[in-house]
N, C-alpha and C. Protein backbone atom coordinates (compact mmCIF):
# COMPACT_ATOMS: atom_id res chain seq x y z
N MET A 1 2.59 23.46 -27.43
CA MET A 1 3.56 23.39 -26.22
C MET A 1 2.77 24.19 -24.79
N ILE A 2 2.27 23.60 -23.68
CA ILE A 2 1.69 24.21 -23.34
C ILE A 2 2.65 24.61 -21.81
N ASP A 3 2.26 26.12 -21.34
CA ASP A 3 3.39 27.04 -20.32
C ASP A 3 2.45 26.98 -19.40
N THR A 4 2.71 26.44 -18.26
CA THR A 4 2.57 26.70 -16.96
C THR A 4 3.00 27.59 -16.39
N LEU A 5 2.03 28.72 -15.63
CA LEU A 5 2.05 30.13 -14.71
C LEU A 5 3.36 29.43 -13.79
N PRO A 6 4.40 30.61 -13.28
CA PRO A 6 4.89 30.03 -11.93
C PRO A 6 4.09 30.73 -11.10
N LEU A 7 4.52 29.64 -10.19
CA LEU A 7 4.18 30.10 -8.50
C LEU A 7 4.62 31.47 -8.31
N GLN A 8 5.25 32.72 -8.27
CA GLN A 8 5.51 33.88 -8.20
C GLN A 8 4.57 34.42 -9.22
N SER A 9 4.54 34.25 -9.97
CA SER A 9 4.11 35.11 -11.01
C SER A 9 2.50 34.90 -10.17
N ALA A 10 1.53 33.79 -9.97
CA ALA A 10 0.69 33.13 -9.90
C ALA A 10 -0.10 34.04 -8.41
N ILE A 11 1.29 34.46 -7.48
CA ILE A 11 1.21 34.92 -6.38
C ILE A 11 0.83 36.59 -7.03
N MET A 12 1.59 37.08 -7.78
CA MET A 12 1.84 38.42 -8.01
C MET A 12 0.26 38.51 -8.62
N PHE A 13 -0.31 37.80 -9.57
CA PHE A 13 -1.20 38.21 -10.00
C PHE A 13 -2.88 38.09 -8.97
N ALA A 14 -2.46 37.43 -7.79
CA ALA A 14 -3.48 37.27 -7.04
C ALA A 14 -3.88 38.65 -5.85
N VAL A 15 -2.23 39.03 -5.64
CA VAL A 15 -2.33 39.79 -5.30
C VAL A 15 -2.48 41.61 -5.83
N ALA A 16 -2.01 41.74 -7.52
CA ALA A 16 -3.07 42.29 -8.19
C ALA A 16 -4.55 42.67 -8.18
N ALA A 17 -5.21 41.07 -8.06
CA ALA A 17 -6.32 41.59 -7.68
C ALA A 17 -7.49 42.14 -6.75
N VAL A 18 -6.51 41.83 -5.37
CA VAL A 18 -6.87 41.98 -3.85
C VAL A 18 -6.55 43.33 -3.99
N PHE A 19 -5.66 44.12 -4.68
CA PHE A 19 -5.27 45.54 -4.77
C PHE A 19 -6.43 46.18 -5.67
N VAL A 20 -6.60 46.10 -6.52
CA VAL A 20 -8.09 46.66 -8.05
C VAL A 20 -9.34 46.24 -6.85
N LEU A 21 -9.34 45.08 -6.19
CA LEU A 21 -10.82 44.67 -5.76
C LEU A 21 -10.76 45.70 -4.69
N ALA A 22 -9.93 46.29 -3.98
CA ALA A 22 -10.22 47.23 -2.50
C ALA A 22 -10.55 48.31 -3.17
N GLY A 23 -9.55 48.69 -4.12
CA GLY A 23 -9.60 50.11 -5.01
C GLY A 23 -10.95 50.13 -5.18
N THR A 24 -11.20 49.45 -5.92
CA THR A 24 -12.77 49.49 -6.84
C THR A 24 -13.47 49.74 -5.44
N TRP A 25 -13.50 48.90 -4.26
CA TRP A 25 -14.70 48.99 -3.11
C TRP A 25 -14.97 50.11 -2.47
N LEU A 26 -13.29 50.93 -2.62
CA LEU A 26 -13.26 52.08 -2.34
C LEU A 26 -14.15 53.26 -2.59
N LEU A 27 -13.53 53.23 -4.39
CA LEU A 27 -14.29 54.39 -4.88
C LEU A 27 -15.60 53.70 -5.19
N TRP A 28 -16.56 52.73 -4.95
CA TRP A 28 -17.83 52.19 -5.38
C TRP A 28 -18.41 52.94 -3.74
N GLN A 29 -17.77 52.95 -2.56
CA GLN A 29 -18.29 53.49 -1.51
C GLN A 29 -18.72 55.00 -1.52
N LEU A 30 -18.03 55.91 -2.65
CA LEU A 30 -18.28 57.19 -3.38
C LEU A 30 -19.94 57.80 -3.35
N ARG A 31 -20.81 56.59 -3.36
CA ARG A 31 -21.72 56.50 -4.09
C ARG A 31 -22.82 56.90 -3.16
N ILE A 32 -21.97 56.90 -1.56
CA ILE A 32 -23.00 57.49 -0.36
C ILE A 32 -22.52 58.52 -0.04
N PRO A 33 -22.72 59.30 0.47
CA PRO A 33 -22.76 60.53 0.71
C PRO A 33 -21.66 60.86 1.61
N GLN A 34 -20.58 61.30 1.35
CA GLN A 34 -19.31 61.35 2.41
C GLN A 34 -18.88 62.72 3.41
N GLY A 35 -18.25 62.76 4.25
CA GLY A 35 -17.58 64.14 4.30
C GLY A 35 -16.68 63.73 3.87
N PRO A 36 -16.48 65.19 3.41
CA PRO A 36 -14.91 65.90 2.52
C PRO A 36 -13.20 64.98 2.52
N ALA A 37 -13.46 64.46 4.32
CA ALA A 37 -11.84 63.75 4.32
C ALA A 37 -11.82 62.54 4.00
N ARG A 38 -13.25 61.98 4.07
CA ARG A 38 -13.05 60.85 3.85
C ARG A 38 -13.54 60.84 2.07
N VAL A 39 -14.11 61.29 1.82
CA VAL A 39 -13.88 61.68 0.08
C VAL A 39 -13.05 61.87 -0.44
N TYR A 40 -12.09 62.36 0.26
CA TYR A 40 -10.73 62.46 -0.16
C TYR A 40 -9.66 61.53 -0.33
N VAL A 41 -10.06 60.75 0.75
CA VAL A 41 -9.24 59.53 0.99
C VAL A 41 -9.42 58.09 0.62
N TYR A 42 -10.87 58.42 0.53
CA TYR A 42 -11.38 57.20 -0.68
C TYR A 42 -10.86 57.37 -1.84
N ARG A 43 -10.87 58.27 -2.47
CA ARG A 43 -10.53 58.58 -3.98
C ARG A 43 -9.16 57.93 -4.29
N MET A 44 -8.49 59.31 -3.44
CA MET A 44 -6.63 58.73 -3.19
C MET A 44 -6.33 57.44 -3.47
N ALA A 45 -6.91 56.45 -1.93
CA ALA A 45 -6.84 55.42 -1.82
C ALA A 45 -7.40 54.91 -2.41
N GLY A 46 -8.27 54.55 -3.17
CA GLY A 46 -9.04 53.75 -4.52
C GLY A 46 -8.23 53.80 -5.93
N ILE A 47 -7.79 55.05 -6.01
CA ILE A 47 -7.32 55.25 -7.35
C ILE A 47 -5.70 54.44 -7.28
N MET A 48 -5.08 54.59 -5.99
CA MET A 48 -3.72 53.93 -6.06
C MET A 48 -3.49 52.51 -5.83
N ALA A 49 -4.34 52.60 -5.62
CA ALA A 49 -4.83 51.05 -5.49
C ALA A 49 -4.91 50.07 -6.69
N ILE A 50 -6.07 50.82 -7.75
CA ILE A 50 -5.99 50.11 -8.43
C ILE A 50 -4.73 50.29 -9.72
N SER A 51 -4.44 51.69 -9.08
CA SER A 51 -2.75 51.51 -10.14
C SER A 51 -2.18 50.80 -9.81
N GLY A 52 -1.94 50.45 -8.47
CA GLY A 52 -0.87 49.36 -8.35
C GLY A 52 -0.59 48.35 -8.56
N GLY A 53 -2.58 47.85 -8.80
CA GLY A 53 -2.82 46.67 -9.04
C GLY A 53 -2.57 46.14 -10.84
N ALA A 54 -2.63 47.57 -11.15
CA ALA A 54 -2.97 47.47 -12.55
C ALA A 54 -1.42 47.18 -13.02
N VAL A 55 -0.36 47.79 -12.68
CA VAL A 55 1.13 48.16 -12.43
C VAL A 55 1.64 46.34 -12.11
N LEU A 56 1.26 46.51 -10.59
CA LEU A 56 1.78 44.97 -10.33
C LEU A 56 0.96 43.45 -11.31
N ALA A 57 -0.05 43.88 -11.99
CA ALA A 57 -0.42 42.87 -13.04
C ALA A 57 0.48 42.18 -13.91
N MET A 58 1.10 43.88 -14.52
CA MET A 58 1.99 43.58 -15.92
C MET A 58 3.43 43.32 -15.51
N SER A 59 3.41 43.72 -14.27
CA SER A 59 4.84 43.47 -14.24
C SER A 59 4.86 41.52 -13.68
N ALA A 60 3.73 41.05 -13.39
CA ALA A 60 3.77 39.67 -13.27
C ALA A 60 3.40 39.09 -14.25
N TRP A 61 2.70 39.79 -15.14
CA TRP A 61 2.88 39.18 -16.61
C TRP A 61 4.06 39.20 -17.49
N ALA A 62 4.90 40.24 -17.33
CA ALA A 62 5.95 40.52 -17.78
C ALA A 62 7.08 39.26 -17.68
N MET A 63 6.77 39.12 -16.09
CA MET A 63 8.24 37.78 -15.47
C MET A 63 7.75 36.51 -15.97
N TRP A 64 6.34 36.24 -16.05
CA TRP A 64 5.67 35.31 -16.60
C TRP A 64 6.54 34.83 -18.09
N GLN A 65 6.47 35.93 -18.60
CA GLN A 65 6.63 35.71 -20.19
C GLN A 65 8.14 35.49 -20.16
N TRP A 66 8.74 36.41 -19.47
CA TRP A 66 10.67 36.18 -18.97
C TRP A 66 11.06 34.52 -18.99
N SER A 67 9.97 33.97 -18.09
CA SER A 67 10.45 32.73 -17.47
C SER A 67 10.08 31.77 -18.43
N LEU A 68 9.53 31.77 -20.12
CA LEU A 68 9.29 31.23 -20.41
C LEU A 68 10.45 30.47 -21.38
N ASP A 69 10.87 29.40 -21.79
CA ASP A 69 11.66 29.41 -22.55
C ASP A 69 11.80 29.29 -24.32
N PRO A 70 12.59 29.95 -24.83
CA PRO A 70 12.34 30.27 -26.13
C PRO A 70 12.50 29.32 -27.14
């Protein structure tokens, strides 16, 4: 039996991917010497974006699994 991905879960996975990519980009920017304020903001925002993307992806996966017929 082939189960399709619900639209809501697909949207959540897409938003999670955007968060993870944005957070990764912010952390990647720390390779270049920056001022202390920018380092703090990029580090905090990058880690929060990656964490938020991970949690959203887990929620999307759980919602997808719950939508399957037993």
